[in-house]
């Protein structure tokens, strides 16, 4: 497997489809990077030379693209800031509820988790 910026990318896939394995690089950004590096998007990742791999790395670093650990850290800092200033989005994150205005009465199971059935508590029977 080819290794770019600490991430293993699959050799058998096209480089255009392999670059999005890097956290922070999507399909459109991958096309843009390959265009700047003058690399054919249909080339398999395993067929790339060391010069082409280093060109991809240089373009990512030169454009200031935040990827992998730095991007994850930045997102966590943003979420902590929202929770700390106690804004609406921060409180929704803290409670584990949908953040962007979705309804929660009938849907929202992805954020809320599986249903917890609330049953009736009965007292011990009197004799």
N, C-alpha and C. Protein backbone atom coordinates (compact mmCIF):
# COMPACT_ATOMS: atom_id res chain seq x y z
N UNK A 1 0.83 -1.19 0.00
CA UNK A 1 0.00 0.00 0.00
C UNK A 1 0.87 1.24 0.00
N UNK A 2 0.48 2.22 -0.79
CA UNK A 2 1.18 3.50 -0.81
C UNK A 2 0.84 4.26 0.47
N UNK A 3 1.79 5.04 0.95
CA UNK A 3 1.58 5.77 2.20
C UNK A 3 1.75 7.26 1.93
N UNK A 4 0.69 8.01 2.21
CA UNK A 4 0.72 9.46 2.04
C UNK A 4 0.36 10.11 3.37
N UNK A 5 1.25 10.93 3.90
CA UNK A 5 1.00 11.70 5.11
C UNK A 5 0.51 10.83 6.26
N UNK A 6 1.09 9.64 6.39
CA UNK A 6 0.75 8.76 7.49
C UNK A 6 -0.49 7.92 7.28
N UNK A 7 -1.05 7.93 6.07
CA UNK A 7 -2.26 7.17 5.78
C UNK A 7 -1.97 6.18 4.66
N UNK A 8 -2.36 4.94 4.86
CA UNK A 8 -2.23 3.93 3.80
C UNK A 8 -3.37 4.10 2.82
N UNK A 9 -3.04 4.25 1.55
CA UNK A 9 -4.07 4.32 0.53
C UNK A 9 -3.98 3.07 -0.33
N UNK A 10 -5.11 2.53 -0.78
CA UNK A 10 -5.09 1.27 -1.53
C UNK A 10 -4.41 1.41 -2.88
N UNK A 11 -3.57 0.42 -3.20
CA UNK A 11 -2.82 0.45 -4.46
C UNK A 11 -3.67 0.12 -5.67
N UNK A 12 -4.67 -0.73 -5.49
CA UNK A 12 -5.42 -1.23 -6.64
C UNK A 12 -6.45 -0.23 -7.17
N UNK A 13 -6.75 0.82 -6.39
CA UNK A 13 -7.74 1.79 -6.83
C UNK A 13 -7.08 2.93 -7.59
N UNK A 14 -7.92 3.64 -8.36
CA UNK A 14 -7.44 4.83 -9.05
C UNK A 14 -7.03 5.85 -8.00
N UNK A 15 -6.04 6.67 -8.32
CA UNK A 15 -5.53 7.65 -7.36
C UNK A 15 -6.61 8.65 -6.98
N UNK A 16 -7.52 8.93 -7.93
CA UNK A 16 -8.62 9.85 -7.65
C UNK A 16 -9.54 9.30 -6.57
N UNK A 17 -9.70 7.98 -6.52
CA UNK A 17 -10.54 7.34 -5.51
C UNK A 17 -9.75 7.00 -4.25
N UNK A 18 -8.43 6.96 -4.35
CA UNK A 18 -7.61 6.61 -3.18
C UNK A 18 -7.33 7.82 -2.29
N UNK A 19 -7.20 8.99 -2.87
CA UNK A 19 -6.90 10.18 -2.06
C UNK A 19 -7.96 10.48 -1.01
N UNK A 20 -9.26 10.27 -1.27
CA UNK A 20 -10.24 10.54 -0.22
C UNK A 20 -10.13 9.63 1.01
N UNK A 21 -9.23 8.64 1.00
CA UNK A 21 -8.99 7.86 2.20
C UNK A 21 -8.30 8.72 3.27
N UNK A 22 -7.73 9.83 2.85
CA UNK A 22 -7.12 10.78 3.78
C UNK A 22 -8.24 11.64 4.35
N UNK A 23 -8.36 11.69 5.68
CA UNK A 23 -9.40 12.47 6.34
C UNK A 23 -9.21 13.95 6.02
N UNK A 24 -10.20 14.57 5.43
CA UNK A 24 -10.12 15.97 5.06
C UNK A 24 -9.97 16.18 3.57
N UNK A 25 -9.79 15.09 2.81
CA UNK A 25 -9.69 15.19 1.35
C UNK A 25 -10.89 14.45 0.76
N UNK A 26 -11.73 15.19 0.05
CA UNK A 26 -12.89 14.60 -0.60
C UNK A 26 -12.64 14.42 -2.09
N UNK A 27 -13.66 13.98 -2.82
CA UNK A 27 -13.48 13.74 -4.26
C UNK A 27 -13.11 15.00 -5.04
N UNK A 28 -13.77 16.11 -4.76
CA UNK A 28 -13.47 17.32 -5.54
C UNK A 28 -12.09 17.87 -5.22
N UNK A 29 -11.68 17.81 -3.96
CA UNK A 29 -10.36 18.27 -3.59
C UNK A 29 -9.29 17.35 -4.17
N UNK A 30 -9.59 16.05 -4.25
CA UNK A 30 -8.64 15.10 -4.84
C UNK A 30 -8.41 15.44 -6.31
N UNK A 31 -9.49 15.76 -7.04
CA UNK A 31 -9.34 16.13 -8.45
C UNK A 31 -8.51 17.40 -8.59
N UNK A 32 -8.74 18.35 -7.70
CA UNK A 32 -8.00 19.61 -7.75
C UNK A 32 -6.51 19.39 -7.49
N UNK A 33 -6.19 18.55 -6.51
CA UNK A 33 -4.79 18.25 -6.18
C UNK A 33 -4.11 17.56 -7.36
N UNK A 34 -4.80 16.58 -7.97
CA UNK A 34 -4.21 15.86 -9.10
C UNK A 34 -4.03 16.77 -10.31
N UNK A 35 -4.94 17.72 -10.48
CA UNK A 35 -4.81 18.67 -11.58
C UNK A 35 -3.58 19.55 -11.41
N UNK A 36 -3.34 19.99 -10.17
CA UNK A 36 -2.17 20.83 -9.91
C UNK A 36 -0.86 20.04 -10.04
N UNK A 37 -0.93 18.73 -9.72
CA UNK A 37 0.27 17.90 -9.79
C UNK A 37 0.50 17.32 -11.18
N UNK A 38 -0.41 17.58 -12.11
CA UNK A 38 -0.35 17.03 -13.48
C UNK A 38 -0.27 15.50 -13.47
N UNK A 39 -1.14 14.88 -12.69
CA UNK A 39 -1.20 13.43 -12.62
C UNK A 39 -2.55 12.99 -13.16
N UNK A 40 -2.54 11.96 -14.00
CA UNK A 40 -3.77 11.43 -14.57
C UNK A 40 -4.61 10.79 -13.46
N UNK A 41 -5.87 11.21 -13.30
CA UNK A 41 -6.71 10.64 -12.23
C UNK A 41 -6.98 9.14 -12.39
N UNK A 42 -6.82 8.60 -13.60
CA UNK A 42 -7.10 7.19 -13.84
C UNK A 42 -5.91 6.28 -13.50
N UNK A 43 -4.78 6.87 -13.13
CA UNK A 43 -3.61 6.08 -12.76
C UNK A 43 -3.87 5.36 -11.44
N UNK A 44 -3.46 4.11 -11.36
CA UNK A 44 -3.61 3.35 -10.11
C UNK A 44 -2.60 3.88 -9.09
N UNK A 45 -2.99 3.86 -7.84
CA UNK A 45 -2.14 4.42 -6.79
C UNK A 45 -0.83 3.66 -6.66
N UNK A 46 -0.85 2.37 -6.93
CA UNK A 46 0.37 1.58 -6.85
C UNK A 46 1.36 1.87 -7.96
N UNK A 47 0.90 2.47 -9.05
CA UNK A 47 1.76 2.76 -10.19
C UNK A 47 2.45 4.11 -10.10
N UNK A 48 2.15 4.90 -9.07
CA UNK A 48 2.74 6.23 -8.95
C UNK A 48 4.20 6.14 -8.54
N UNK A 49 5.00 7.02 -9.10
CA UNK A 49 6.42 7.07 -8.74
C UNK A 49 6.57 7.87 -7.44
N UNK A 50 7.75 7.78 -6.85
CA UNK A 50 8.02 8.54 -5.63
C UNK A 50 7.94 10.04 -5.86
N UNK A 51 8.34 10.49 -7.06
CA UNK A 51 8.27 11.92 -7.38
C UNK A 51 6.82 12.40 -7.41
N UNK A 52 5.94 11.57 -7.99
CA UNK A 52 4.52 11.95 -8.06
C UNK A 52 3.90 11.97 -6.66
N UNK A 53 4.26 11.01 -5.81
CA UNK A 53 3.74 11.00 -4.45
C UNK A 53 4.22 12.21 -3.67
N UNK A 54 5.50 12.56 -3.85
CA UNK A 54 6.02 13.73 -3.15
C UNK A 54 5.38 15.01 -3.69
N UNK A 55 5.04 15.04 -4.98
CA UNK A 55 4.36 16.22 -5.55
C UNK A 55 2.98 16.39 -4.92
N UNK A 56 2.26 15.28 -4.72
CA UNK A 56 0.95 15.35 -4.08
C UNK A 56 1.08 15.88 -2.65
N UNK A 57 2.07 15.38 -1.92
CA UNK A 57 2.29 15.83 -0.54
C UNK A 57 2.64 17.31 -0.50
N UNK A 58 3.49 17.77 -1.42
CA UNK A 58 3.89 19.17 -1.46
C UNK A 58 2.71 20.07 -1.76
N UNK A 59 1.83 19.65 -2.66
CA UNK A 59 0.66 20.47 -3.00
C UNK A 59 -0.29 20.57 -1.81
N UNK A 60 -0.50 19.46 -1.10
CA UNK A 60 -1.37 19.50 0.07
C UNK A 60 -0.80 20.45 1.12
N UNK A 61 0.50 20.39 1.35
CA UNK A 61 1.12 21.25 2.36
C UNK A 61 1.20 22.70 1.89
N UNK A 62 1.45 22.92 0.60
CA UNK A 62 1.58 24.29 0.09
C UNK A 62 0.24 25.03 0.11
N UNK A 63 -0.85 24.31 -0.15
CA UNK A 63 -2.17 24.94 -0.16
C UNK A 63 -2.74 25.11 1.25
N UNK A 64 -2.05 24.60 2.25
CA UNK A 64 -2.51 24.75 3.63
C UNK A 64 -3.77 23.96 3.92
N UNK A 65 -3.90 22.80 3.31
CA UNK A 65 -5.08 21.96 3.52
C UNK A 65 -4.91 21.24 4.85
N UNK A 66 -5.87 21.42 5.76
CA UNK A 66 -5.83 20.77 7.06
C UNK A 66 -6.36 19.36 6.91
N UNK A 67 -5.57 18.37 7.35
CA UNK A 67 -5.98 16.98 7.19
C UNK A 67 -5.70 16.19 8.46
N UNK A 68 -6.28 15.00 8.53
CA UNK A 68 -6.06 13.99 9.57
C UNK A 68 -6.13 14.56 10.98
N UNK A 69 -5.08 14.37 11.78
CA UNK A 69 -5.11 14.70 13.20
C UNK A 69 -5.37 16.18 13.47
N UNK A 70 -4.78 17.05 12.67
CA UNK A 70 -4.98 18.49 12.86
C UNK A 70 -6.43 18.86 12.63
N UNK A 71 -7.06 18.28 11.62
CA UNK A 71 -8.46 18.59 11.32
C UNK A 71 -9.37 18.05 12.42
N UNK A 72 -9.11 16.83 12.87
CA UNK A 72 -9.92 16.26 13.96
C UNK A 72 -9.79 17.12 15.22
N UNK A 73 -8.58 17.55 15.52
CA UNK A 73 -8.34 18.39 16.71
C UNK A 73 -9.07 19.73 16.57
N UNK A 74 -9.03 20.31 15.38
CA UNK A 74 -9.70 21.59 15.15
C UNK A 74 -11.21 21.47 15.34
N UNK A 75 -11.79 20.38 14.85
CA UNK A 75 -13.23 20.15 15.00
C UNK A 75 -13.59 19.99 16.46
N UNK A 76 -12.78 19.23 17.21
CA UNK A 76 -13.03 19.04 18.65
C UNK A 76 -12.94 20.37 19.40
N UNK A 77 -11.99 21.20 19.04
CA UNK A 77 -11.85 22.50 19.70
C UNK A 77 -13.08 23.36 19.43
N UNK A 78 -13.58 23.33 18.19
CA UNK A 78 -14.77 24.10 17.85
C UNK A 78 -15.98 23.63 18.65
N UNK A 79 -16.14 22.30 18.79
CA UNK A 79 -17.27 21.77 19.55
C UNK A 79 -17.16 22.14 21.02
N UNK A 80 -15.95 22.07 21.58
CA UNK A 80 -15.77 22.44 22.99
C UNK A 80 -16.06 23.92 23.21
N UNK A 81 -15.68 24.75 22.24
CA UNK A 81 -15.96 26.19 22.35
C UNK A 81 -17.46 26.43 22.36
N UNK A 82 -18.20 25.76 21.47
CA UNK A 82 -19.65 25.93 21.44
C UNK A 82 -20.29 25.49 22.75
N UNK A 83 -19.79 24.40 23.32
CA UNK A 83 -20.35 23.92 24.58
C UNK A 83 -19.98 24.85 25.73
N UNK A 84 -18.80 25.41 25.68
CA UNK A 84 -18.34 26.27 26.76
C UNK A 84 -19.11 27.59 26.81
N UNK A 85 -19.40 28.17 25.65
CA UNK A 85 -20.13 29.43 25.64
C UNK A 85 -21.62 29.22 25.83
N UNK A 86 -22.03 27.95 25.94
CA UNK A 86 -23.40 27.59 26.27
C UNK A 86 -24.41 28.06 25.23
N UNK A 87 -24.02 28.03 23.96
CA UNK A 87 -24.96 28.42 22.92
C UNK A 87 -25.88 27.23 22.61
N UNK A 88 -26.89 27.48 21.79
CA UNK A 88 -27.88 26.45 21.49
C UNK A 88 -27.24 25.22 20.88
N UNK A 89 -26.37 25.43 19.88
CA UNK A 89 -25.70 24.29 19.24
C UNK A 89 -24.84 23.52 20.23
N UNK A 90 -24.19 24.24 21.13
CA UNK A 90 -23.36 23.58 22.13
C UNK A 90 -24.17 22.72 23.08
N UNK A 91 -25.31 23.23 23.51
CA UNK A 91 -26.15 22.43 24.42
C UNK A 91 -26.72 21.21 23.72
N UNK A 92 -27.06 21.33 22.44
CA UNK A 92 -27.56 20.17 21.69
C UNK A 92 -26.46 19.12 21.54
N UNK A 93 -25.22 19.55 21.29
CA UNK A 93 -24.11 18.60 21.23
C UNK A 93 -23.94 17.91 22.57
N UNK A 94 -24.01 18.68 23.64
CA UNK A 94 -23.80 18.13 24.98
C UNK A 94 -24.86 17.08 25.31
N UNK A 95 -26.12 17.34 24.91
CA UNK A 95 -27.21 16.41 25.22
C UNK A 95 -27.28 15.24 24.24
N UNK A 96 -26.53 15.32 23.15
CA UNK A 96 -26.56 14.24 22.16
C UNK A 96 -27.80 14.27 21.30
N UNK A 97 -28.34 15.44 21.06
CA UNK A 97 -29.55 15.61 20.24
C UNK A 97 -29.17 16.22 18.90
N UNK A 98 -30.07 16.15 17.90
CA UNK A 98 -29.77 16.77 16.60
C UNK A 98 -29.51 18.26 16.75
N UNK A 99 -28.53 18.75 15.99
CA UNK A 99 -28.06 20.12 16.16
C UNK A 99 -28.70 21.07 15.16
N UNK A 100 -29.07 20.58 13.99
CA UNK A 100 -29.45 21.48 12.89
C UNK A 100 -30.95 21.60 12.67
N UNK A 101 -31.73 21.55 13.72
CA UNK A 101 -33.14 21.87 13.61
C UNK A 101 -34.05 20.72 13.21
N UNK A 102 -33.57 19.49 13.22
CA UNK A 102 -34.43 18.38 12.86
C UNK A 102 -35.44 18.12 13.97
N UNK A 103 -36.55 17.49 13.59
CA UNK A 103 -37.56 17.16 14.59
C UNK A 103 -37.08 15.97 15.41
N UNK A 104 -37.53 15.92 16.66
CA UNK A 104 -37.07 14.82 17.51
C UNK A 104 -38.22 14.02 18.10
N UNK A 105 -39.45 14.43 17.85
CA UNK A 105 -40.57 13.69 18.44
C UNK A 105 -40.66 12.29 17.86
N UNK A 106 -40.54 12.17 16.54
CA UNK A 106 -40.68 10.86 15.91
C UNK A 106 -39.38 10.35 15.31
N UNK A 107 -38.47 11.21 14.95
CA UNK A 107 -37.23 10.79 14.31
C UNK A 107 -36.03 11.18 15.16
N UNK A 108 -34.87 11.15 14.58
CA UNK A 108 -33.66 11.55 15.30
C UNK A 108 -33.02 10.39 16.04
N UNK A 109 -33.28 9.16 15.61
CA UNK A 109 -32.75 8.01 16.33
C UNK A 109 -31.23 7.88 16.16
N UNK A 110 -30.69 8.46 15.12
CA UNK A 110 -29.25 8.37 14.92
C UNK A 110 -28.52 9.06 16.06
N UNK A 111 -28.96 10.25 16.42
CA UNK A 111 -28.32 11.00 17.50
C UNK A 111 -28.78 10.53 18.88
N UNK A 112 -30.07 10.15 19.01
CA UNK A 112 -30.62 9.82 20.32
C UNK A 112 -30.33 8.39 20.75
N UNK A 113 -30.00 7.53 19.79
CA UNK A 113 -29.74 6.13 20.12
C UNK A 113 -31.02 5.31 20.09
N UNK A 114 -30.93 4.03 20.42
CA UNK A 114 -32.13 3.17 20.37
C UNK A 114 -33.16 3.60 21.41
N UNK A 115 -34.41 3.28 21.12
CA UNK A 115 -35.50 3.65 22.01
C UNK A 115 -35.37 2.94 23.35
N UNK A 116 -35.67 3.68 24.40
CA UNK A 116 -35.70 3.09 25.74
C UNK A 116 -37.15 3.11 26.19
N UNK A 117 -37.76 1.96 26.24
CA UNK A 117 -39.16 1.87 26.61
C UNK A 117 -39.32 2.19 28.10
N UNK A 118 -40.28 3.06 28.37
CA UNK A 118 -40.55 3.43 29.75
C UNK A 118 -41.79 2.67 30.17
N UNK A 119 -41.66 1.80 31.15
CA UNK A 119 -42.79 0.97 31.59
C UNK A 119 -43.38 1.52 32.87
N UNK A 120 -44.49 0.93 33.27
CA UNK A 120 -45.18 1.34 34.49
C UNK A 120 -44.56 0.58 35.66
N UNK A 121 -44.22 1.30 36.72
CA UNK A 121 -43.69 0.67 37.93
C UNK A 121 -44.87 0.36 38.85
N UNK A 122 -45.03 -0.89 39.21
CA UNK A 122 -46.13 -1.26 40.07
C UNK A 122 -45.62 -1.59 41.46
N UNK A 123 -46.44 -1.24 42.44
CA UNK A 123 -46.08 -1.56 43.81
C UNK A 123 -46.32 -3.03 44.07
N UNK A 124 -45.71 -3.56 45.11
CA UNK A 124 -45.95 -4.95 45.47
C UNK A 124 -47.43 -5.13 45.82
N UNK A 125 -48.01 -6.26 45.41
CA UNK A 125 -49.46 -6.48 45.63
C UNK A 125 -49.76 -6.57 47.12
N UNK A 126 -50.90 -5.99 47.52
CA UNK A 126 -51.31 -6.00 48.92
C UNK A 126 -51.99 -7.32 49.23
N UNK A 127 -51.80 -7.80 50.44
CA UNK A 127 -52.45 -9.06 50.84
C UNK A 127 -53.65 -8.82 51.70
